[in-house]
Amino acid sequence: MSTTDNPCLRCGACCATYRVSFYWAEPEAAGLPATLTEQLNPHLTCMAGTNARQPRCRALQGEVGQQVACSVYAHRPTPCRAVSPGSDQCQRARRHHGLPAL
């Protein structure tokens, strides 16, 4: 899939729907800036902004459903890499934001 065909570049719904939590040591190993993470407990960290009542990852730039970009795409954590266009998580997030299914 080319970047021009990537629906994620127009969507961003998953980045504004779910808490993105992962093992506490992952951000440093991946080169993710500490300013974009929040400690949840001694074992887990999450992307800043995703532990809110209305989550929105602080690394997400742009408007959901229009045009978005991840400011740390190359360093994104494992949970972000696991969501793929059209997956169940993707489709739930799109519905949550009133976007059509892929």
C-alpha atoms as a PDB file:
ATOM      1  CA  MET A   1       0.000   0.000   0.000  1.00  0.00           C
ATOM      2  CA  SER A   2       1.447   3.349  -0.981  1.00  0.00           C
ATOM      3  CA  THR A   3       1.219   6.311   1.355  1.00  0.00           C
ATOM      4  CA  THR A   4      -1.306   7.942  -0.985  1.00  0.00           C
ATOM      5  CA  ASP A   5      -3.572   4.880  -0.667  1.00  0.00           C
ATOM      6  CA  ASN A   6      -3.184   4.641   3.108  1.00  0.00           C
ATOM      7  CA  PRO A   7      -6.591   5.405   4.715  1.00  0.00           C
ATOM      8  CA  CYS A   8      -4.831   6.047   8.035  1.00  0.00           C
ATOM      9  CA  LEU A   9      -3.493   9.343   6.649  1.00  0.00           C
ATOM     10  CA  ARG A  10      -7.065  10.614   6.413  1.00  0.00           C
ATOM     11  CA  CYS A  11      -8.498   8.893   9.475  1.00  0.00           C
ATOM     12  CA  GLY A  12      -6.694   8.953  12.842  1.00  0.00           C
ATOM     13  CA  ALA A  13      -9.784   7.587  14.601  1.00  0.00           C
ATOM     14  CA  CYS A  14      -7.862   4.917  16.512  1.00  0.00           C
ATOM     15  CA  CYS A  15      -5.512   7.615  17.865  1.00  0.00           C
ATOM     16  CA  ALA A  16      -8.520   9.475  19.269  1.00  0.00           C
ATOM     17  CA  THR A  17     -10.482   6.503  20.630  1.00  0.00           C
ATOM     18  CA  TYR A  18      -8.260   4.116  22.579  1.00  0.00           C
ATOM     19  CA  ARG A  19      -5.811   4.247  25.445  1.00  0.00           C
ATOM     20  CA  VAL A  20      -2.466   3.179  24.003  1.00  0.00           C
ATOM     21  CA  SER A  21      -0.658   1.376  26.817  1.00  0.00           C
ATOM     22  CA  PHE A  22       2.517  -0.678  26.694  1.00  0.00           C
ATOM     23  CA  TYR A  23       5.451  -1.954  28.752  1.00  0.00           C
ATOM     24  CA  TRP A  24       7.175   0.913  30.571  1.00  0.00           C
ATOM     25  CA  ALA A  25      10.604   0.370  28.954  1.00  0.00           C
ATOM     26  CA  GLU A  26       9.349   0.364  25.356  1.00  0.00           C
ATOM     27  CA  PRO A  27       9.416   4.160  24.757  1.00  0.00           C
ATOM     28  CA  GLU A  28      13.108   4.549  25.520  1.00  0.00           C
ATOM     29  CA  ALA A  29      14.048   1.497  23.448  1.00  0.00           C
ATOM     30  CA  ALA A  30      12.007   2.805  20.498  1.00  0.00           C
ATOM     31  CA  GLY A  31      13.301   6.365  20.762  1.00  0.00           C
ATOM     32  CA  LEU A  32       9.884   7.746  21.721  1.00  0.00           C
ATOM     33  CA  PRO A  33      10.161  11.121  23.502  1.00  0.00           C
ATOM     34  CA  ALA A  34       9.294  10.913  27.212  1.00  0.00           C
ATOM     35  CA  THR A  35       7.146  14.041  26.830  1.00  0.00           C
ATOM     36  CA  LEU A  36       4.693  11.987  24.771  1.00  0.00           C
ATOM     37  CA  THR A  37       4.166   9.277  27.388  1.00  0.00           C
ATOM     38  CA  GLU A  38       2.456   9.008  30.784  1.00  0.00           C
ATOM     39  CA  GLN A  39       3.259   6.453  33.478  1.00  0.00           C
ATOM     40  CA  LEU A  40       0.182   4.358  34.379  1.00  0.00           C
ATOM     41  CA  ASN A  41       1.710   2.092  37.016  1.00  0.00           C
ATOM     42  CA  PRO A  42       5.134   0.560  37.720  1.00  0.00           C
ATOM     43  CA  HIS A  43       4.802  -1.706  34.674  1.00  0.00           C
ATOM     44  CA  LEU A  44       2.789   0.247  32.112  1.00  0.00           C
ATOM     45  CA  THR A  45       3.086   3.526  30.248  1.00  0.00           C
ATOM     46  CA  CYS A  46       0.665   5.042  27.756  1.00  0.00           C
ATOM     47  CA  MET A  47       0.797   7.608  25.002  1.00  0.00           C
ATOM     48  CA  ALA A  48       0.109  11.042  26.468  1.00  0.00           C
ATOM     49  CA  GLY A  49      -3.504  12.059  26.006  1.00  0.00           C
ATOM     50  CA  THR A  50      -4.850   8.537  25.519  1.00  0.00           C
ATOM     51  CA  ASN A  51      -5.692   7.950  29.192  1.00  0.00           C
ATOM     52  CA  ALA A  52      -8.237  10.790  29.130  1.00  0.00           C
ATOM     53  CA  ARG A  53     -12.027  10.456  29.252  1.00  0.00           C
ATOM     54  CA  GLN A  54     -12.012  11.522  25.587  1.00  0.00           C
ATOM     55  CA  PRO A  55      -8.694  10.093  24.393  1.00  0.00           C
ATOM     56  CA  ARG A  56      -6.572  11.776  21.768  1.00  0.00           C
ATOM     57  CA  CYS A  57      -2.923  10.927  21.396  1.00  0.00           C
ATOM     58  CA  ARG A  58      -0.722  13.987  21.773  1.00  0.00           C
ATOM     59  CA  ALA A  59       1.373  12.765  18.830  1.00  0.00           C
ATOM     60  CA  LEU A  60      -1.635  12.963  16.479  1.00  0.00           C
ATOM     61  CA  GLN A  61      -1.590  16.016  14.245  1.00  0.00           C
ATOM     62  CA  GLY A  62      -4.514  17.180  12.133  1.00  0.00           C
ATOM     63  CA  GLU A  63      -8.247  16.599  12.186  1.00  0.00           C
ATOM     64  CA  VAL A  64      -9.692  13.103  12.607  1.00  0.00           C
ATOM     65  CA  GLY A  65     -11.441  11.972   9.437  1.00  0.00           C
ATOM     66  CA  GLN A  66      -9.849  14.706   7.308  1.00  0.00           C
ATOM     67  CA  GLN A  67      -6.066  14.593   7.206  1.00  0.00           C
ATOM     68  CA  VAL A  68      -3.841  13.375  10.028  1.00  0.00           C
ATOM     69  CA  ALA A  69      -0.265  12.419  10.752  1.00  0.00           C
ATOM     70  CA  CYS A  70       1.581  10.826  13.628  1.00  0.00           C
ATOM     71  CA  SER A  71       4.453  13.048  14.717  1.00  0.00           C
ATOM     72  CA  VAL A  72       6.382   9.984  15.952  1.00  0.00           C
ATOM     73  CA  TYR A  73       5.307   7.415  13.354  1.00  0.00           C
ATOM     74  CA  ALA A  74       8.756   5.794  13.072  1.00  0.00           C
ATOM     75  CA  HIS A  75       8.918   5.472  16.872  1.00  0.00           C
ATOM     76  CA  ARG A  76       5.283   4.536  17.571  1.00  0.00           C
ATOM     77  CA  PRO A  77       4.752   1.822  20.184  1.00  0.00           C
ATOM     78  CA  THR A  78       3.705  -1.775  19.615  1.00  0.00           C
ATOM     79  CA  PRO A  79      -0.081  -1.248  20.099  1.00  0.00           C
ATOM     80  CA  CYS A  80      -0.078   1.387  17.351  1.00  0.00           C
ATOM     81  CA  ARG A  81       1.745  -0.959  15.010  1.00  0.00           C
ATOM     82  CA  ALA A  82      -0.783  -3.717  15.737  1.00  0.00           C
ATOM     83  CA  VAL A  83      -3.849  -1.834  14.444  1.00  0.00           C
ATOM     84  CA  SER A  84      -4.289  -2.227  10.717  1.00  0.00           C
ATOM     85  CA  PRO A  85      -6.694  -0.528   8.292  1.00  0.00           C
ATOM     86  CA  GLY A  86     -10.012  -2.338   8.299  1.00  0.00           C
ATOM     87  CA  SER A  87      -9.336  -4.383  11.460  1.00  0.00           C
ATOM     88  CA  ASP A  88     -12.035  -4.690  14.139  1.00  0.00           C
ATOM     89  CA  GLN A  89     -10.313  -2.018  16.266  1.00  0.00           C
ATOM     90  CA  CYS A  90     -10.113   0.280  13.259  1.00  0.00           C
ATOM     91  CA  GLN A  91     -13.770  -0.190  12.355  1.00  0.00           C
ATOM     92  CA  ARG A  92     -14.949   0.419  15.962  1.00  0.00           C
ATOM     93  CA  ALA A  93     -12.903   3.627  16.148  1.00  0.00           C
ATOM     94  CA  ARG A  94     -14.247   4.815  12.795  1.00  0.00           C
ATOM     95  CA  ARG A  95     -17.846   4.189  13.920  1.00  0.00           C
ATOM     96  CA  HIS A  96     -17.132   6.070  17.155  1.00  0.00           C
ATOM     97  CA  HIS A  97     -16.131   9.128  15.095  1.00  0.00           C
ATOM     98  CA  GLY A  98     -18.985   8.773  12.593  1.00  0.00           C
ATOM     99  CA  LEU A  99     -16.694   7.697   9.757  1.00  0.00           C
ATOM    100  CA  PRO A 100     -17.742   5.112   7.143  1.00  0.00           C
ATOM    101  CA  ALA A 101     -16.376   1.582   7.286  1.00  0.00           C
ATOM    102  CA  LEU A 102     -13.353   0.730   5.166  1.00  0.00           C
END
